[in-house]
Amino acid sequence: KVFMGDTGSLSIGGMIGVVAICCKQEFLLAVVGGVFVIEAISVIMQVLSFQLTGRRIFAMSPLHHHFELVGWKENTVIVRFWILSAVFALLGLATLKLR
């Protein structure tokens, strides 16, 4: 298996962000990238919860690791995140029609 490293993924993410800002579609980017937003928020929530209360919300963060630790198979997590990504993509298309 080959995985993209930090350099490639961060530069692609930064480029997509710049394009969204140039096109004034920042909200749409957050909607379409909903899975990534949820993953990032899960990490922020985990860190804040641990710092403030000393307790963790999830077994592990980011969220996909939590699901793996509670017994979901990796393929199950992947397929469900694909479905969630498709829902967010359709939601993004719906917001384009509303404008």
PDB file of N, CA and C in Angstrom:
ATOM      1  N   LYS A   1       0.840  -1.180   0.000  1.00  0.00           N
ATOM      2  CA  LYS A   1       0.000   0.000   0.000  1.00  0.00           C
ATOM      3  C   LYS A   1       0.884   1.242   0.000  1.00  0.00           C
ATOM      4  N   VAL A   2       0.425   2.268  -0.675  1.00  0.00           N
ATOM      5  CA  VAL A   2       1.142   3.526  -0.713  1.00  0.00           C
ATOM      6  C   VAL A   2       0.221   4.604  -0.152  1.00  0.00           C
ATOM      7  N   PHE A   3       0.722   5.348   0.819  1.00  0.00           N
ATOM      8  CA  PHE A   3      -0.051   6.423   1.426  1.00  0.00           C
ATOM      9  C   PHE A   3       0.626   7.753   1.132  1.00  0.00           C
ATOM     10  N   MET A   4      -0.194   8.785   0.934  1.00  0.00           N
ATOM     11  CA  MET A   4       0.339  10.109   0.706  1.00  0.00           C
ATOM     12  C   MET A   4       0.917  10.638   2.020  1.00  0.00           C
ATOM     13  N   GLY A   5       2.055  11.277   1.951  1.00  0.00           N
ATOM     14  CA  GLY A   5       2.682  11.829   3.143  1.00  0.00           C
ATOM     15  C   GLY A   5       2.115  13.189   3.505  1.00  0.00           C
ATOM     16  N   ASP A   6       2.658  13.751   4.574  1.00  0.00           N
ATOM     17  CA  ASP A   6       2.205  15.059   5.042  1.00  0.00           C
ATOM     18  C   ASP A   6       2.445  16.148   4.004  1.00  0.00           C
ATOM     19  N   THR A   7       3.577  16.105   3.342  1.00  0.00           N
ATOM     20  CA  THR A   7       3.898  17.146   2.370  1.00  0.00           C
ATOM     21  C   THR A   7       2.871  17.184   1.248  1.00  0.00           C
ATOM     22  N   GLY A   8       2.544  16.042   0.698  1.00  0.00           N
ATOM     23  CA  GLY A   8       1.568  15.992  -0.392  1.00  0.00           C
ATOM     24  C   GLY A   8       0.167  16.333   0.058  1.00  0.00           C
ATOM     25  N   SER A   9      -0.270  15.752   1.178  1.00  0.00           N
ATOM     26  CA  SER A   9      -1.650  15.977   1.614  1.00  0.00           C
ATOM     27  C   SER A   9      -1.862  17.410   2.091  1.00  0.00           C
ATOM     28  N   LEU A  10      -0.891  17.980   2.795  1.00  0.00           N
ATOM     29  CA  LEU A  10      -1.039  19.360   3.258  1.00  0.00           C
ATOM     30  C   LEU A  10      -1.012  20.349   2.097  1.00  0.00           C
ATOM     31  N   SER A  11      -0.171  20.095   1.093  1.00  0.00           N
ATOM     32  CA  SER A  11      -0.131  21.016  -0.047  1.00  0.00           C
ATOM     33  C   SER A  11      -1.412  20.927  -0.871  1.00  0.00           C
ATOM     34  N   ILE A  12      -1.950  19.727  -1.046  1.00  0.00           N
ATOM     35  CA  ILE A  12      -3.221  19.591  -1.771  1.00  0.00           C
ATOM     36  C   ILE A  12      -4.349  20.250  -0.984  1.00  0.00           C
ATOM     37  N   GLY A  13      -4.386  20.021   0.327  1.00  0.00           N
ATOM     38  CA  GLY A  13      -5.408  20.653   1.165  1.00  0.00           C
ATOM     39  C   GLY A  13      -5.305  22.167   1.145  1.00  0.00           C
ATOM     40  N   GLY A  14      -4.088  22.682   1.211  1.00  0.00           N
ATOM     41  CA  GLY A  14      -3.893  24.130   1.144  1.00  0.00           C
ATOM     42  C   GLY A  14      -4.330  24.702  -0.189  1.00  0.00           C
ATOM     43  N   MET A  15      -4.033  23.984  -1.269  1.00  0.00           N
ATOM     44  CA  MET A  15      -4.430  24.437  -2.600  1.00  0.00           C
ATOM     45  C   MET A  15      -5.957  24.457  -2.731  1.00  0.00           C
ATOM     46  N   ILE A  16      -6.620  23.425  -2.235  1.00  0.00           N
ATOM     47  CA  ILE A  16      -8.088  23.384  -2.284  1.00  0.00           C
ATOM     48  C   ILE A  16      -8.669  24.529  -1.462  1.00  0.00           C
ATOM     49  N   GLY A  17      -8.065  24.808  -0.303  1.00  0.00           N
ATOM     50  CA  GLY A  17      -8.524  25.917   0.529  1.00  0.00           C
ATOM     51  C   GLY A  17      -8.370  27.262  -0.159  1.00  0.00           C
ATOM     52  N   VAL A  18      -7.244  27.477  -0.815  1.00  0.00           N
ATOM     53  CA  VAL A  18      -7.014  28.734  -1.537  1.00  0.00           C
ATOM     54  C   VAL A  18      -8.016  28.894  -2.675  1.00  0.00           C
ATOM     55  N   VAL A  19      -8.275  27.824  -3.410  1.00  0.00           N
ATOM     56  CA  VAL A  19      -9.258  27.879  -4.496  1.00  0.00           C
ATOM     57  C   VAL A  19     -10.639  28.218  -3.943  1.00  0.00           C
ATOM     58  N   ALA A  20     -11.014  27.620  -2.812  1.00  0.00           N
ATOM     59  CA  ALA A  20     -12.317  27.905  -2.203  1.00  0.00           C
ATOM     60  C   ALA A  20     -12.413  29.365  -1.781  1.00  0.00           C
ATOM     61  N   ILE A  21     -11.336  29.907  -1.229  1.00  0.00           N
ATOM     62  CA  ILE A  21     -11.338  31.310  -0.817  1.00  0.00           C
ATOM     63  C   ILE A  21     -11.426  32.222  -2.031  1.00  0.00           C
ATOM     64  N   CYS A  22     -10.669  31.915  -3.082  1.00  0.00           N
ATOM     65  CA  CYS A  22     -10.701  32.731  -4.303  1.00  0.00           C
ATOM     66  C   CYS A  22     -12.083  32.727  -4.952  1.00  0.00           C
ATOM     67  N   CYS A  23     -12.783  31.603  -4.860  1.00  0.00           N
ATOM     68  CA  CYS A  23     -14.124  31.485  -5.452  1.00  0.00           C
ATOM     69  C   CYS A  23     -15.223  31.896  -4.481  1.00  0.00           C
ATOM     70  N   LYS A  24     -14.833  32.312  -3.273  1.00  0.00           N
ATOM     71  CA  LYS A  24     -15.783  32.695  -2.222  1.00  0.00           C
ATOM     72  C   LYS A  24     -16.755  31.556  -1.895  1.00  0.00           C
ATOM     73  N   GLN A  25     -16.221  30.350  -1.786  1.00  0.00           N
ATOM     74  CA  GLN A  25     -17.014  29.151  -1.490  1.00  0.00           C
ATOM     75  C   GLN A  25     -16.484  28.439  -0.239  1.00  0.00           C
ATOM     76  N   GLU A  26     -16.081  29.225   0.781  1.00  0.00           N
ATOM     77  CA  GLU A  26     -15.502  28.624   1.979  1.00  0.00           C
ATOM     78  C   GLU A  26     -16.497  27.712   2.689  1.00  0.00           C
ATOM     79  N   PHE A  27     -17.746  28.159   2.802  1.00  0.00           N
ATOM     80  CA  PHE A  27     -18.768  27.354   3.478  1.00  0.00           C
ATOM     81  C   PHE A  27     -18.995  26.046   2.729  1.00  0.00           C
ATOM     82  N   LEU A  28     -19.032  26.134   1.410  1.00  0.00           N
ATOM     83  CA  LEU A  28     -19.238  24.936   0.595  1.00  0.00           C
ATOM     84  C   LEU A  28     -18.097  23.935   0.804  1.00  0.00           C
ATOM     85  N   LEU A  29     -16.880  24.432   0.931  1.00  0.00           N
ATOM     86  CA  LEU A  29     -15.740  23.546   1.187  1.00  0.00           C
ATOM     87  C   LEU A  29     -15.905  22.826   2.523  1.00  0.00           C
ATOM     88  N   ALA A  30     -16.388  23.546   3.534  1.00  0.00           N
ATOM     89  CA  ALA A  30     -16.609  22.922   4.844  1.00  0.00           C
ATOM     90  C   ALA A  30     -17.706  21.867   4.775  1.00  0.00           C
ATOM     91  N   VAL A  31     -18.722  22.105   3.950  1.00  0.00           N
ATOM     92  CA  VAL A  31     -19.811  21.130   3.803  1.00  0.00           C
ATOM     93  C   VAL A  31     -19.310  19.895   3.056  1.00  0.00           C
ATOM     94  N   VAL A  32     -18.677  20.104   1.924  1.00  0.00           N
ATOM     95  CA  VAL A  32     -18.204  18.980   1.109  1.00  0.00           C
ATOM     96  C   VAL A  32     -17.126  18.186   1.855  1.00  0.00           C
ATOM     97  N   GLY A  33     -16.306  18.864   2.609  1.00  0.00           N
ATOM     98  CA  GLY A  33     -15.270  18.190   3.398  1.00  0.00           C
ATOM     99  C   GLY A  33     -15.745  17.855   4.799  1.00  0.00           C
ATOM    100  N   GLY A  34     -17.019  17.573   4.943  1.00  0.00           N
ATOM    101  CA  GLY A  34     -17.625  17.331   6.251  1.00  0.00           C
ATOM    102  C   GLY A  34     -16.961  16.235   7.055  1.00  0.00           C
ATOM    103  N   VAL A  35     -16.538  15.170   6.400  1.00  0.00           N
ATOM    104  CA  VAL A  35     -15.878  14.075   7.117  1.00  0.00           C
ATOM    105  C   VAL A  35     -14.572  14.570   7.729  1.00  0.00           C
ATOM    106  N   PHE A  36     -13.825  15.378   6.981  1.00  0.00           N
ATOM    107  CA  PHE A  36     -12.568  15.909   7.496  1.00  0.00           C
ATOM    108  C   PHE A  36     -12.823  16.881   8.643  1.00  0.00           C
ATOM    109  N   VAL A  37     -13.890  17.664   8.530  1.00  0.00           N
ATOM    110  CA  VAL A  37     -14.258  18.594   9.601  1.00  0.00           C
ATOM    111  C   VAL A  37     -14.618  17.816  10.863  1.00  0.00           C
ATOM    112  N   ILE A  38     -15.402  16.759  10.715  1.00  0.00           N
ATOM    113  CA  ILE A  38     -15.790  15.935  11.863  1.00  0.00           C
ATOM    114  C   ILE A  38     -14.562  15.288  12.504  1.00  0.00           C
ATOM    115  N   GLU A  39     -13.653  14.791  11.683  1.00  0.00           N
ATOM    116  CA  GLU A  39     -12.428  14.183  12.211  1.00  0.00           C
ATOM    117  C   GLU A  39     -11.613  15.213  13.001  1.00  0.00           C
ATOM    118  N   ALA A  40     -11.471  16.421  12.451  1.00  0.00           N
ATOM    119  CA  ALA A  40     -10.705  17.465  13.136  1.00  0.00           C
ATOM    120  C   ALA A  40     -11.391  17.884  14.433  1.00  0.00           C
ATOM    121  N   ILE A  41     -12.711  18.033  14.398  1.00  0.00           N
ATOM    122  CA  ILE A  41     -13.451  18.426  15.598  1.00  0.00           C
ATOM    123  C   ILE A  41     -13.346  17.347  16.669  1.00  0.00           C
ATOM    124  N   SER A  42     -13.331  16.076  16.265  1.00  0.00           N
ATOM    125  CA  SER A  42     -13.202  15.004  17.261  1.00  0.00           C
ATOM    126  C   SER A  42     -11.864  15.092  17.994  1.00  0.00           C
ATOM    127  N   VAL A  43     -10.810  15.458  17.282  1.00  0.00           N
ATOM    128  CA  VAL A  43      -9.499  15.608  17.916  1.00  0.00           C
ATOM    129  C   VAL A  43      -9.510  16.796  18.871  1.00  0.00           C
ATOM    130  N   ILE A  44     -10.078  17.925  18.428  1.00  0.00           N
ATOM    131  CA  ILE A  44     -10.147  19.118  19.276  1.00  0.00           C
ATOM    132  C   ILE A  44     -10.957  18.830  20.536  1.00  0.00           C
ATOM    133  N   MET A  45     -12.100  18.158  20.377  1.00  0.00           N
ATOM    134  CA  MET A  45     -12.931  17.817  21.534  1.00  0.00           C
ATOM    135  C   MET A  45     -12.185  16.897  22.499  1.00  0.00           C
ATOM    136  N   GLN A  46     -11.478  15.928  21.964  1.00  0.00           N
ATOM    137  CA  GLN A  46     -10.733  14.981  22.803  1.00  0.00           C
ATOM    138  C   GLN A  46      -9.667  15.711  23.613  1.00  0.00           C
ATOM    139  N   VAL A  47      -8.908  16.582  22.963  1.00  0.00           N
ATOM    140  CA  VAL A  47      -7.827  17.300  23.642  1.00  0.00           C
ATOM    141  C   VAL A  47      -8.394  18.241  24.698  1.00  0.00           C
ATOM    142  N   LEU A  48      -9.423  19.022  24.331  1.00  0.00           N
ATOM    143  CA  LEU A  48     -10.015  19.956  25.295  1.00  0.00           C
ATOM    144  C   LEU A  48     -10.621  19.223  26.483  1.00  0.00           C
ATOM    145  N   SER A  49     -11.323  18.148  26.225  1.00  0.00           N
ATOM    146  CA  SER A  49     -11.932  17.378  27.305  1.00  0.00           C
ATOM    147  C   SER A  49     -10.871  16.832  28.253  1.00  0.00           C
ATOM    148  N   PHE A  50      -9.793  16.317  27.698  1.00  0.00           N
ATOM    149  CA  PHE A  50      -8.736  15.756  28.546  1.00  0.00           C
ATOM    150  C   PHE A  50      -8.032  16.845  29.349  1.00  0.00           C
ATOM    151  N   GLN A  51      -7.826  18.010  28.731  1.00  0.00           N
ATOM    152  CA  GLN A  51      -7.160  19.102  29.443  1.00  0.00           C
ATOM    153  C   GLN A  51      -8.039  19.684  30.544  1.00  0.00           C
ATOM    154  N   LEU A  52      -9.341  19.794  30.286  1.00  0.00           N
ATOM    155  CA  LEU A  52     -10.236  20.429  31.253  1.00  0.00           C
ATOM    156  C   LEU A  52     -10.722  19.479  32.343  1.00  0.00           C
ATOM    157  N   THR A  53     -10.995  18.233  31.987  1.00  0.00           N
ATOM    158  CA  THR A  53     -11.595  17.307  32.954  1.00  0.00           C
ATOM    159  C   THR A  53     -10.713  16.113  33.289  1.00  0.00           C
ATOM    160  N   GLY A  54      -9.695  15.871  32.496  1.00  0.00           N
ATOM    161  CA  GLY A  54      -8.857  14.700  32.708  1.00  0.00           C
ATOM    162  C   GLY A  54      -9.467  13.416  32.163  1.00  0.00           C
ATOM    163  N   ARG A  55     -10.607  13.532  31.489  1.00  0.00           N
ATOM    164  CA  ARG A  55     -11.288  12.360  30.926  1.00  0.00           C
ATOM    165  C   ARG A  55     -11.358  12.489  29.412  1.00  0.00           C
ATOM    166  N   ARG A  56     -11.361  11.336  28.763  1.00  0.00           N
ATOM    167  CA  ARG A  56     -11.457  11.316  27.304  1.00  0.00           C
ATOM    168  C   ARG A  56     -12.904  11.079  26.892  1.00  0.00           C
ATOM    169  N   ILE A  57     -13.306  11.680  25.769  1.00  0.00           N
ATOM    170  CA  ILE A  57     -14.646  11.475  25.223  1.00  0.00           C
ATOM    171  C   ILE A  57     -14.674  10.183  24.416  1.00  0.00           C
ATOM    172  N   PHE A  58     -13.660   9.990  23.601  1.00  0.00           N
ATOM    173  CA  PHE A  58     -13.571   8.828  22.717  1.00  0.00           C
ATOM    174  C   PHE A  58     -12.475   7.893  23.217  1.00  0.00           C
ATOM    175  N   ALA A  59     -12.559   6.636  22.821  1.00  0.00           N
ATOM    176  CA  ALA A  59     -11.502   5.688  23.179  1.00  0.00           C
ATOM    177  C   ALA A  59     -10.172   6.132  22.574  1.00  0.00           C
ATOM    178  N   MET A  60     -10.239   6.729  21.383  1.00  0.00           N
ATOM    179  CA  MET A  60      -9.058   7.244  20.701  1.00  0.00           C
ATOM    180  C   MET A  60      -9.539   8.235  19.658  1.00  0.00           C
ATOM    181  N   SER A  61      -8.732   9.215  19.374  1.00  0.00           N
ATOM    182  CA  SER A  61      -9.089  10.134  18.299  1.00  0.00           C
ATOM    183  C   SER A  61      -7.938  10.144  17.301  1.00  0.00           C
ATOM    184  N   PRO A  62      -8.196  10.491  16.035  1.00  0.00           N
ATOM    185  CA  PRO A  62      -9.439  10.896  15.393  1.00  0.00           C
ATOM    186  C   PRO A  62     -10.520   9.810  15.460  1.00  0.00           C
ATOM    187  N   LEU A  63     -11.697  10.221  15.119  1.00  0.00           N
ATOM    188  CA  LEU A  63     -12.895   9.426  15.324  1.00  0.00           C
ATOM    189  C   LEU A  63     -12.831   8.041  14.688  1.00  0.00           C
ATOM    190  N   HIS A  64     -12.192   7.920  13.516  1.00  0.00           N
ATOM    191  CA  HIS A  64     -12.158   6.605  12.867  1.00  0.00           C
ATOM    192  C   HIS A  64     -11.389   5.585  13.708  1.00  0.00           C
ATOM    193  N   HIS A  65     -10.394   6.029  14.471  1.00  0.00           N
ATOM    194  CA  HIS A  65      -9.680   5.106  15.361  1.00  0.00           C
ATOM    195  C   HIS A  65     -10.572   4.658  16.517  1.00  0.00           C
ATOM    196  N   HIS A  66     -11.425   5.552  16.991  1.00  0.00           N
ATOM    197  CA  HIS A  66     -12.376   5.197  18.050  1.00  0.00           C
ATOM    198  C   HIS A  66     -13.270   4.052  17.587  1.00  0.00           C
ATOM    199  N   PHE A  67     -13.794   4.179  16.372  1.00  0.00           N
ATOM    200  CA  PHE A  67     -14.674   3.134  15.851  1.00  0.00           C
ATOM    201  C   PHE A  67     -13.934   1.800  15.711  1.00  0.00           C
ATOM    202  N   GLU A  68     -12.672   1.851  15.311  1.00  0.00           N
ATOM    203  CA  GLU A  68     -11.887   0.617  15.202  1.00  0.00           C
ATOM    204  C   GLU A  68     -11.673  -0.018  16.575  1.00  0.00           C
ATOM    205  N   LEU A  69     -11.424   0.811  17.595  1.00  0.00           N
ATOM    206  CA  LEU A  69     -11.182   0.281  18.937  1.00  0.00           C
ATOM    207  C   LEU A  69     -12.437  -0.300  19.582  1.00  0.00           C
ATOM    208  N   VAL A  70     -13.614   0.217  19.200  1.00  0.00           N
ATOM    209  CA  VAL A  70     -14.844  -0.332  19.790  1.00  0.00           C
ATOM    210  C   VAL A  70     -15.344  -1.553  19.032  1.00  0.00           C
ATOM    211  N   GLY A  71     -14.588  -1.995  18.016  1.00  0.00           N
ATOM    212  CA  GLY A  71     -14.906  -3.267  17.390  1.00  0.00           C
ATOM    213  C   GLY A  71     -15.316  -3.241  15.934  1.00  0.00           C
ATOM    214  N   TRP A  72     -15.416  -2.060  15.329  1.00  0.00           N
ATOM    215  CA  TRP A  72     -15.754  -2.019  13.913  1.00  0.00           C
ATOM    216  C   TRP A  72     -14.538  -2.470  13.107  1.00  0.00           C
ATOM    217  N   LYS A  73     -14.785  -3.209  12.043  1.00  0.00           N
ATOM    218  CA  LYS A  73     -13.708  -3.582  11.134  1.00  0.00           C
ATOM    219  C   LYS A  73     -13.308  -2.354  10.317  1.00  0.00           C
ATOM    220  N   GLU A  74     -12.053  -2.349   9.883  1.00  0.00           N
ATOM    221  CA  GLU A  74     -11.543  -1.209   9.112  1.00  0.00           C
ATOM    222  C   GLU A  74     -12.385  -0.969   7.861  1.00  0.00           C
ATOM    223  N   ASN A  75     -12.770  -2.035   7.173  1.00  0.00           N
ATOM    224  CA  ASN A  75     -13.588  -1.888   5.965  1.00  0.00           C
ATOM    225  C   ASN A  75     -14.949  -1.278   6.277  1.00  0.00           C
ATOM    226  N   THR A  76     -15.534  -1.619   7.420  1.00  0.00           N
ATOM    227  CA  THR A  76     -16.819  -1.048   7.823  1.00  0.00           C
ATOM    228  C   THR A  76     -16.691   0.450   8.037  1.00  0.00           C
ATOM    229  N   VAL A  77     -15.630   0.855   8.718  1.00  0.00           N
ATOM    230  CA  VAL A  77     -15.394   2.284   8.951  1.00  0.00           C
ATOM    231  C   VAL A  77     -15.233   3.001   7.618  1.00  0.00           C
ATOM    232  N   ILE A  78     -14.460   2.429   6.717  1.00  0.00           N
ATOM    233  CA  ILE A  78     -14.206   3.053   5.419  1.00  0.00           C
ATOM    234  C   ILE A  78     -15.493   3.211   4.627  1.00  0.00           C
ATOM    235  N   VAL A  79     -16.285   2.156   4.543  1.00  0.00           N
ATOM    236  CA  VAL A  79     -17.527   2.220   3.761  1.00  0.00           C
ATOM    237  C   VAL A  79     -18.489   3.240   4.363  1.00  0.00           C
ATOM    238  N   ARG A  80     -18.604   3.270   5.677  1.00  0.00           N
ATOM    239  CA  ARG A  80     -19.516   4.235   6.312  1.00  0.00           C
ATOM    240  C   ARG A  80     -19.032   5.662   6.121  1.00  0.00           C
ATOM    241  N   PHE A  81     -17.734   5.878   6.143  1.00  0.00           N
ATOM    242  CA  PHE A  81     -17.212   7.217   5.880  1.00  0.00           C
ATOM    243  C   PHE A  81     -17.406   7.588   4.411  1.00  0.00           C
ATOM    244  N   TRP A  82     -17.322   6.615   3.497  1.00  0.00           N
ATOM    245  CA  TRP A  82     -17.630   6.888   2.085  1.00  0.00           C
ATOM    246  C   TRP A  82     -19.073   7.346   1.947  1.00  0.00           C
ATOM    247  N   ILE A  83     -19.975   6.630   2.601  1.00  0.00           N
ATOM    248  CA  ILE A  83     -21.397   6.989   2.534  1.00  0.00           C
ATOM    249  C   ILE A  83     -21.601   8.386   3.094  1.00  0.00           C
ATOM    250  N   LEU A  84     -20.979   8.676   4.227  1.00  0.00           N
ATOM    251  CA  LEU A  84     -21.084  10.006   4.826  1.00  0.00           C
ATOM    252  C   LEU A  84     -20.506  11.068   3.891  1.00  0.00           C
ATOM    253  N   SER A  85     -19.407  10.757   3.222  1.00  0.00           N
ATOM    254  CA  SER A  85     -18.817  11.693   2.255  1.00  0.00           C
ATOM    255  C   SER A  85     -19.765  11.948   1.092  1.00  0.00           C
ATOM    256  N   ALA A  86     -20.436  10.908   0.614  1.00  0.00           N
ATOM    257  CA  ALA A  86     -21.407  11.075  -0.471  1.00  0.00           C
ATOM    258  C   ALA A  86     -22.571  11.949  -0.026  1.00  0.00           C
ATOM    259  N   VAL A  87     -23.023  11.769   1.206  1.00  0.00           N
ATOM    260  CA  VAL A  87     -24.112  12.602   1.735  1.00  0.00           C
ATOM    261  C   VAL A  87     -23.669  14.060   1.800  1.00  0.00           C
ATOM    262  N   PHE A  88     -22.450  14.304   2.288  1.00  0.00           N
ATOM    263  CA  PHE A  88     -21.945  15.676   2.349  1.00  0.00           C
ATOM    264  C   PHE A  88     -21.769  16.266   0.953  1.00  0.00           C
ATOM    265  N   ALA A  89     -21.342  15.464  -0.015  1.00  0.00           N
ATOM    266  CA  ALA A  89     -21.204  15.945  -1.393  1.00  0.00           C
ATOM    267  C   ALA A  89     -22.561  16.331  -1.963  1.00  0.00           C
ATOM    268  N   LEU A  90     -23.574  15.511  -1.722  1.00  0.00           N
ATOM    269  CA  LEU A  90     -24.929  15.842  -2.185  1.00  0.00           C
ATOM    270  C   LEU A  90     -25.453  17.091  -1.493  1.00  0.00           C
ATOM    271  N   LEU A  91     -25.137  17.233  -0.213  1.00  0.00           N
ATOM    272  CA  LEU A  91     -25.531  18.441   0.515  1.00  0.00           C
ATOM    273  C   LEU A  91     -24.856  19.665  -0.098  1.00  0.00           C
ATOM    274  N   GLY A  92     -23.585  19.517  -0.483  1.00  0.00           N
ATOM    275  CA  GLY A  92     -22.874  20.611  -1.139  1.00  0.00           C
ATOM    276  C   GLY A  92     -23.506  20.981  -2.466  1.00  0.00           C
ATOM    277  N   LEU A  93     -23.906  19.982  -3.238  1.00  0.00           N
ATOM    278  CA  LEU A  93     -24.597  20.254  -4.504  1.00  0.00           C
ATOM    279  C   LEU A  93     -25.936  20.941  -4.257  1.00  0.00           C
ATOM    280  N   ALA A  94     -26.623  20.546  -3.199  1.00  0.00           N
ATOM    281  CA  ALA A  94     -27.908  21.172  -2.868  1.00  0.00           C
ATOM    282  C   ALA A  94     -27.723  22.637  -2.491  1.00  0.00           C
ATOM    283  N   THR A  95     -26.627  22.967  -1.805  1.00  0.00           N
ATOM    284  CA  THR A  95     -26.406  24.369  -1.440  1.00  0.00           C
ATOM    285  C   THR A  95     -26.093  25.211  -2.672  1.00  0.00           C
ATOM    286  N   LEU A  96     -25.507  24.604  -3.696  1.00  0.00           N
ATOM    287  CA  LEU A  96     -25.266  25.349  -4.935  1.00  0.00           C
ATOM    288  C   LEU A  96     -26.579  25.729  -5.600  1.00  0.00           C
ATOM    289  N   LYS A  97     -27.563  24.832  -5.530  1.00  0.00           N
ATOM    290  CA  LYS A  97     -28.869  25.113  -6.131  1.00  0.00           C
ATOM    291  C   LYS A  97     -29.603  26.210  -5.370  1.00  0.00           C
ATOM    292  N   LEU A  98     -29.344  26.328  -4.067  1.00  0.00           N
ATOM    293  CA  LEU A  98     -30.034  27.322  -3.249  1.00  0.00           C
ATOM    294  C   LEU A  98     -29.506  28.726  -3.477  1.00  0.00           C
ATOM    295  N   ARG A  99     -28.322  28.845  -4.022  1.00  0.00           N
ATOM    296  CA  ARG A  99     -27.727  30.180  -4.192  1.00  0.00           C
ATOM    297  C   ARG A  99     -28.258  30.836  -5.388  1.00  0.00           C
TER     298      ARG A  99
END
